[in-house]
PDB file of N, CA and C in Angstrom:
ATOM      1  N   MET A   1    -164.804 -16.584 -84.415  1.00  0.00           N
ATOM      2  CA  MET A   1    -164.121 -17.696 -85.064  1.00  0.00           C
ATOM      3  C   MET A   1    -164.806 -17.926 -86.414  1.00  0.00           C
ATOM      4  N   ASN A   2    -164.006 -17.863 -87.452  1.00  0.00           N
ATOM      5  CA  ASN A   2    -164.589 -18.031 -88.773  1.00  0.00           C
ATOM      6  C   ASN A   2    -164.306 -19.439 -89.324  1.00  0.00           C
ATOM      7  N   GLN A   3    -164.673 -19.653 -90.566  1.00  0.00           N
ATOM      8  CA  GLN A   3    -164.604 -20.992 -91.151  1.00  0.00           C
ATOM      9  C   GLN A   3    -163.157 -21.478 -91.301  1.00  0.00           C
ATOM     10  N   SER A   4    -162.236 -20.604 -91.630  1.00  0.00           N
ATOM     11  CA  SER A   4    -160.848 -21.027 -91.791  1.00  0.00           C
ATOM     12  C   SER A   4    -160.226 -21.415 -90.445  1.00  0.00           C
ATOM     13  N   ASP A   5    -160.651 -20.761 -89.365  1.00  0.00           N
ATOM     14  CA  ASP A   5    -160.168 -21.153 -88.037  1.00  0.00           C
ATOM     15  C   ASP A   5    -160.643 -22.552 -87.676  1.00  0.00           C
ATOM     16  N   LEU A   6    -161.904 -22.850 -87.966  1.00  0.00           N
ATOM     17  CA  LEU A   6    -162.433 -24.180 -87.686  1.00  0.00           C
ATOM     18  C   LEU A   6    -161.729 -25.247 -88.510  1.00  0.00           C
ATOM     19  N   LEU A   7    -161.453 -24.946 -89.764  1.00  0.00           N
ATOM     20  CA  LEU A   7    -160.737 -25.887 -90.621  1.00  0.00           C
ATOM     21  C   LEU A   7    -159.332 -26.137 -90.084  1.00  0.00           C
ATOM     22  N   PHE A   8    -158.665 -25.073 -89.663  1.00  0.00           N
ATOM     23  CA  PHE A   8    -157.325 -25.211 -89.100  1.00  0.00           C
ATOM     24  C   PHE A   8    -157.340 -26.062 -87.832  1.00  0.00           C
ATOM     25  N   LEU A   9    -158.298 -25.824 -86.952  1.00  0.00           N
ATOM     26  CA  LEU A   9    -158.389 -26.610 -85.717  1.00  0.00           C
ATOM     27  C   LEU A   9    -158.718 -28.073 -86.012  1.00  0.00           C
ATOM     28  N   THR A  10    -159.556 -28.324 -86.990  1.00  0.00           N
ATOM     29  CA  THR A  10    -159.897 -29.695 -87.367  1.00  0.00           C
ATOM     30  C   THR A  10    -158.681 -30.432 -87.913  1.00  0.00           C
ATOM     31  N   ILE A  11    -157.919 -29.766 -88.755  1.00  0.00           N
ATOM     32  CA  ILE A  11    -156.716 -30.384 -89.315  1.00  0.00           C
ATOM     33  C   ILE A  11    -155.698 -30.669 -88.213  1.00  0.00           C
ATOM     34  N   ILE A  12    -155.527 -29.738 -87.299  1.00  0.00           N
ATOM     35  CA  ILE A  12    -154.598 -29.947 -86.178  1.00  0.00           C
ATOM     36  C   ILE A  12    -155.052 -31.124 -85.320  1.00  0.00           C
ATOM     37  N   ALA A  13    -156.365 -31.245 -85.069  1.00  0.00           N
ATOM     38  CA  ALA A  13    -156.879 -32.355 -84.255  1.00  0.00           C
ATOM     39  C   ALA A  13    -156.651 -33.698 -84.948  1.00  0.00           C
ATOM     40  N   ILE A  14    -156.890 -33.766 -86.241  1.00  0.00           N
ATOM     41  CA  ILE A  14    -156.684 -35.015 -86.991  1.00  0.00           C
ATOM     42  C   ILE A  14    -155.213 -35.394 -87.003  1.00  0.00           C
ATOM     43  N   MET A  15    -154.345 -34.434 -87.229  1.00  0.00           N
ATOM     44  CA  MET A  15    -152.910 -34.728 -87.268  1.00  0.00           C
ATOM     45  C   MET A  15    -152.394 -35.140 -85.890  1.00  0.00           C
ATOM     46  N   SER A  16    -152.886 -34.509 -84.844  1.00  0.00           N
ATOM     47  CA  SER A  16    -152.462 -34.873 -83.488  1.00  0.00           C
ATOM     48  C   SER A  16    -152.901 -36.287 -83.142  1.00  0.00           C
ATOM     49  N   THR A  17    -154.126 -36.631 -83.497  1.00  0.00           N
ATOM     50  CA  THR A  17    -154.628 -37.971 -83.228  1.00  0.00           C
ATOM     51  C   THR A  17    -153.826 -39.010 -83.988  1.00  0.00           C
ATOM     52  N   SER A  18    -153.520 -38.740 -85.239  1.00  0.00           N
ATOM     53  CA  SER A  18    -152.722 -39.667 -86.043  1.00  0.00           C
ATOM     54  C   SER A  18    -151.330 -39.858 -85.447  1.00  0.00           C
ATOM     55  N   LEU A  19    -150.740 -38.777 -84.988  1.00  0.00           N
ATOM     56  CA  LEU A  19    -149.408 -38.862 -84.388  1.00  0.00           C
ATOM     57  C   LEU A  19    -149.436 -39.686 -83.108  1.00  0.00           C
ATOM     58  N   VAL A  20    -150.450 -39.487 -82.295  1.00  0.00           N
ATOM     59  CA  VAL A  20    -150.568 -40.258 -81.049  1.00  0.00           C
ATOM     60  C   VAL A  20    -150.725 -41.742 -81.360  1.00  0.00           C
ATOM     61  N   VAL A  21    -151.550 -42.081 -82.342  1.00  0.00           N
ATOM     62  CA  VAL A  21    -151.747 -43.490 -82.712  1.00  0.00           C
ATOM     63  C   VAL A  21    -150.443 -44.106 -83.202  1.00  0.00           C
ATOM     64  N   LEU A  22    -149.703 -43.393 -84.025  1.00  0.00           N
ATOM     65  CA  LEU A  22    -148.428 -43.914 -84.522  1.00  0.00           C
ATOM     66  C   LEU A  22    -147.430 -44.129 -83.389  1.00  0.00           C
ATOM     67  N   VAL A  23    -147.345 -43.199 -82.477  1.00  0.00           N
ATOM     68  CA  VAL A  23    -146.413 -43.324 -81.348  1.00  0.00           C
ATOM     69  C   VAL A  23    -146.797 -44.503 -80.466  1.00  0.00           C
ATOM     70  N   VAL A  24    -148.096 -44.665 -80.193  1.00  0.00           N
ATOM     71  CA  VAL A  24    -148.542 -45.777 -79.350  1.00  0.00           C
ATOM     72  C   VAL A  24    -148.230 -47.109 -80.025  1.00  0.00           C
ATOM     73  N   GLN A  25    -148.479 -47.221 -81.313  1.00  0.00           N
ATOM     74  CA  GLN A  25    -148.172 -48.462 -82.030  1.00  0.00           C
ATOM     75  C   GLN A  25    -146.678 -48.747 -82.016  1.00  0.00           C
ATOM     76  N   PHE A  26    -145.865 -47.717 -82.178  1.00  0.00           N
ATOM     77  CA  PHE A  26    -144.412 -47.897 -82.172  1.00  0.00           C
ATOM     78  C   PHE A  26    -143.935 -48.361 -80.800  1.00  0.00           C
ATOM     79  N   VAL A  27    -144.447 -47.742 -79.749  1.00  0.00           N
ATOM     80  CA  VAL A  27    -144.037 -48.117 -78.389  1.00  0.00           C
ATOM     81  C   VAL A  27    -144.475 -49.540 -78.071  1.00  0.00           C
ATOM     82  N   ARG A  28    -145.683 -49.909 -78.468  1.00  0.00           N
ATOM     83  CA  ARG A  28    -146.159 -51.275 -78.203  1.00  0.00           C
ATOM     84  C   ARG A  28    -145.322 -52.307 -78.938  1.00  0.00           C
ATOM     85  N   SER A  29    -144.915 -52.005 -80.177  1.00  0.00           N
ATOM     86  CA  SER A  29    -144.111 -52.972 -80.926  1.00  0.00           C
ATOM     87  C   SER A  29    -142.695 -53.066 -80.356  1.00  0.00           C
ATOM     88  N   ARG A  30    -142.160 -51.977 -79.834  1.00  0.00           N
ATOM     89  CA  ARG A  30    -140.825 -51.998 -79.238  1.00  0.00           C
ATOM     90  C   ARG A  30    -140.835 -52.716 -77.896  1.00  0.00           C
ATOM     91  N   ARG A  31    -141.927 -52.608 -77.161  1.00  0.00           N
ATOM     92  CA  ARG A  31    -142.010 -53.223 -75.843  1.00  0.00           C
ATOM     93  C   ARG A  31    -142.009 -54.739 -75.949  1.00  0.00           C
ATOM     94  N   ARG A  32    -142.599 -55.261 -77.023  1.00  0.00           N
ATOM     95  CA  ARG A  32    -142.642 -56.712 -77.202  1.00  0.00           C
ATOM     96  C   ARG A  32    -141.261 -57.289 -77.469  1.00  0.00           C
ATOM     97  N   GLY A  33    -140.393 -56.495 -78.047  1.00  0.00           N
ATOM     98  CA  GLY A  33    -139.038 -56.948 -78.314  1.00  0.00           C
ATOM     99  C   GLY A  33    -138.940 -57.666 -79.650  1.00  0.00           C
ATOM    100  N   PRO A  34    -137.721 -57.832 -80.134  1.00  0.00           N
ATOM    101  CA  PRO A  34    -137.544 -58.483 -81.431  1.00  0.00           C
ATOM    102  C   PRO A  34    -137.868 -59.966 -81.356  1.00  0.00           C
ATOM    103  N   GLY A  35    -138.672 -60.413 -82.299  1.00  0.00           N
ATOM    104  CA  GLY A  35    -138.993 -61.832 -82.371  1.00  0.00           C
ATOM    105  C   GLY A  35    -140.037 -62.294 -81.385  1.00  0.00           C
ATOM    106  N   ALA A  36    -140.602 -61.412 -80.600  1.00  0.00           N
ATOM    107  CA  ALA A  36    -141.573 -61.837 -79.595  1.00  0.00           C
ATOM    108  C   ALA A  36    -142.894 -62.252 -80.233  1.00  0.00           C
ATOM    109  N   GLY A  37    -143.193 -61.696 -81.396  1.00  0.00           N
ATOM    110  CA  GLY A  37    -144.448 -62.029 -82.056  1.00  0.00           C
ATOM    111  C   GLY A  37    -144.383 -63.309 -82.846  1.00  0.00           C
ATOM    112  N   GLU A  38    -143.206 -63.880 -82.966  1.00  0.00           N
ATOM    113  CA  GLU A  38    -143.051 -65.084 -83.759  1.00  0.00           C
ATOM    114  C   GLU A  38    -143.158 -66.316 -82.880  1.00  0.00           C
ATOM    115  N   GLY A  39    -144.024 -67.220 -83.283  1.00  0.00           N
ATOM    116  CA  GLY A  39    -144.101 -68.483 -82.590  1.00  0.00           C
ATOM    117  C   GLY A  39    -144.943 -68.485 -81.333  1.00  0.00           C
ATOM    118  N   ASP A  40    -145.577 -67.376 -81.001  1.00  0.00           N
ATOM    119  CA  ASP A  40    -146.399 -67.378 -79.794  1.00  0.00           C
ATOM    120  C   ASP A  40    -147.876 -67.584 -80.119  1.00  0.00           C
ATOM    121  N   GLY A  41    -148.178 -67.886 -81.364  1.00  0.00           N
ATOM    122  CA  GLY A  41    -149.547 -68.175 -81.742  1.00  0.00           C
ATOM    123  C   GLY A  41    -150.362 -66.958 -82.127  1.00  0.00           C
ATOM    124  N   ARG A  42    -149.782 -65.784 -82.041  1.00  0.00           N
ATOM    125  CA  ARG A  42    -150.503 -64.568 -82.406  1.00  0.00           C
ATOM    126  C   ARG A  42    -149.987 -64.056 -83.730  1.00  0.00           C
ATOM    127  N   ALA A  43    -150.875 -63.833 -84.652  1.00  0.00           N
ATOM    128  CA  ALA A  43    -150.496 -63.289 -85.948  1.00  0.00           C
ATOM    129  C   ALA A  43    -150.424 -61.772 -85.857  1.00  0.00           C
ATOM    130  N   GLY A  44    -149.688 -61.168 -86.777  1.00  0.00           N
ATOM    131  CA  GLY A  44    -149.630 -59.715 -86.835  1.00  0.00           C
ATOM    132  C   GLY A  44    -150.932 -59.170 -87.383  1.00  0.00           C
ATOM    133  N   TRP A  45    -151.121 -57.869 -87.281  1.00  0.00           N
ATOM    134  CA  TRP A  45    -152.363 -57.259 -87.740  1.00  0.00           C
ATOM    135  C   TRP A  45    -152.523 -57.381 -89.244  1.00  0.00           C
ATOM    136  N   TRP A  46    -151.412 -57.574 -89.980  1.00  0.00           N
ATOM    137  CA  TRP A  46    -151.478 -57.662 -91.437  1.00  0.00           C
ATOM    138  C   TRP A  46    -151.806 -59.078 -91.899  1.00  0.00           C
ATOM    139  N   GLU A  47    -151.745 -60.052 -91.013  1.00  0.00           N
ATOM    140  CA  GLU A  47    -152.001 -61.424 -91.392  1.00  0.00           C
ATOM    141  C   GLU A  47    -153.438 -61.788 -91.057  1.00  0.00           C
ATOM    142  N   GLY A  48    -154.110 -62.301 -92.022  1.00  0.00           N
ATOM    143  CA  GLY A  48    -155.492 -62.710 -91.793  1.00  0.00           C
ATOM    144  C   GLY A  48    -155.627 -64.209 -91.935  1.00  0.00           C
ATOM    145  N   PRO A  49    -156.832 -64.710 -91.813  1.00  0.00           N
ATOM    146  CA  PRO A  49    -157.050 -66.144 -91.943  1.00  0.00           C
ATOM    147  C   PRO A  49    -156.749 -66.644 -93.354  1.00  0.00           C
ATOM    148  N   TRP A  50    -156.714 -65.732 -94.338  1.00  0.00           N
ATOM    149  CA  TRP A  50    -156.431 -66.137 -95.715  1.00  0.00           C
ATOM    150  C   TRP A  50    -154.974 -66.577 -95.870  1.00  0.00           C
ATOM    151  N   ASP A  51    -154.082 -66.192 -94.932  1.00  0.00           N
ATOM    152  CA  ASP A  51    -152.689 -66.601 -95.017  1.00  0.00           C
ATOM    153  C   ASP A  51    -152.499 -68.065 -94.623  1.00  0.00           C
ATOM    154  N   ASP A  52    -153.447 -68.629 -93.905  1.00  0.00           N
ATOM    155  CA  ASP A  52    -153.323 -70.030 -93.488  1.00  0.00           C
ATOM    156  C   ASP A  52    -153.398 -70.977 -94.679  1.00  0.00           C
ATOM    157  N   ASP A  53    -154.069 -70.585 -95.738  1.00  0.00           N
ATOM    158  CA  ASP A  53    -154.225 -71.455 -96.902  1.00  0.00           C
ATOM    159  C   ASP A  53    -152.921 -71.639 -97.663  1.00  0.00           C
ATOM    160  N   ASP A  54    -151.989 -70.677 -97.538  1.00  0.00           N
ATOM    161  CA  ASP A  54    -150.763 -70.727 -98.309  1.00  0.00           C
ATOM    162  C   ASP A  54    -149.637 -71.473 -97.606  1.00  0.00           C
ATOM    163  N   ARG A  55    -149.822 -71.831 -96.357  1.00  0.00           N
ATOM    164  CA  ARG A  55    -148.762 -72.501 -95.620  1.00  0.00           C
ATOM    165  C   ARG A  55    -148.623 -73.953 -96.044  1.00  0.00           C
ATOM    166  N   ARG A  56    -147.384 -74.407 -96.065  1.00  0.00           N
ATOM    167  CA  ARG A  56    -147.154 -75.821 -96.371  1.00  0.00           C
ATOM    168  C   ARG A  56    -147.293 -76.644 -95.106  1.00  0.00           C
ATOM    169  N   ARG A  57    -147.868 -77.797 -95.244  1.00  0.00           N
ATOM    170  CA  ARG A  57    -148.110 -78.630 -94.055  1.00  0.00           C
ATOM    171  C   ARG A  57    -147.164 -79.792 -94.008  1.00  0.00           C
TER     172      ARG A  57
END
């Protein structure tokens, strides 16, 4: 096994892992259903505590 074989296997492993993560995230978001994340007190992964400052009270 030479260096190009190792590089090829590494790239395949990284791409496979990325694909698995994307599929798992997609399945988890579909399982919750539309609108399930709204109003249950849980913010999305893109929302941080800095978003609380912009809300009107």
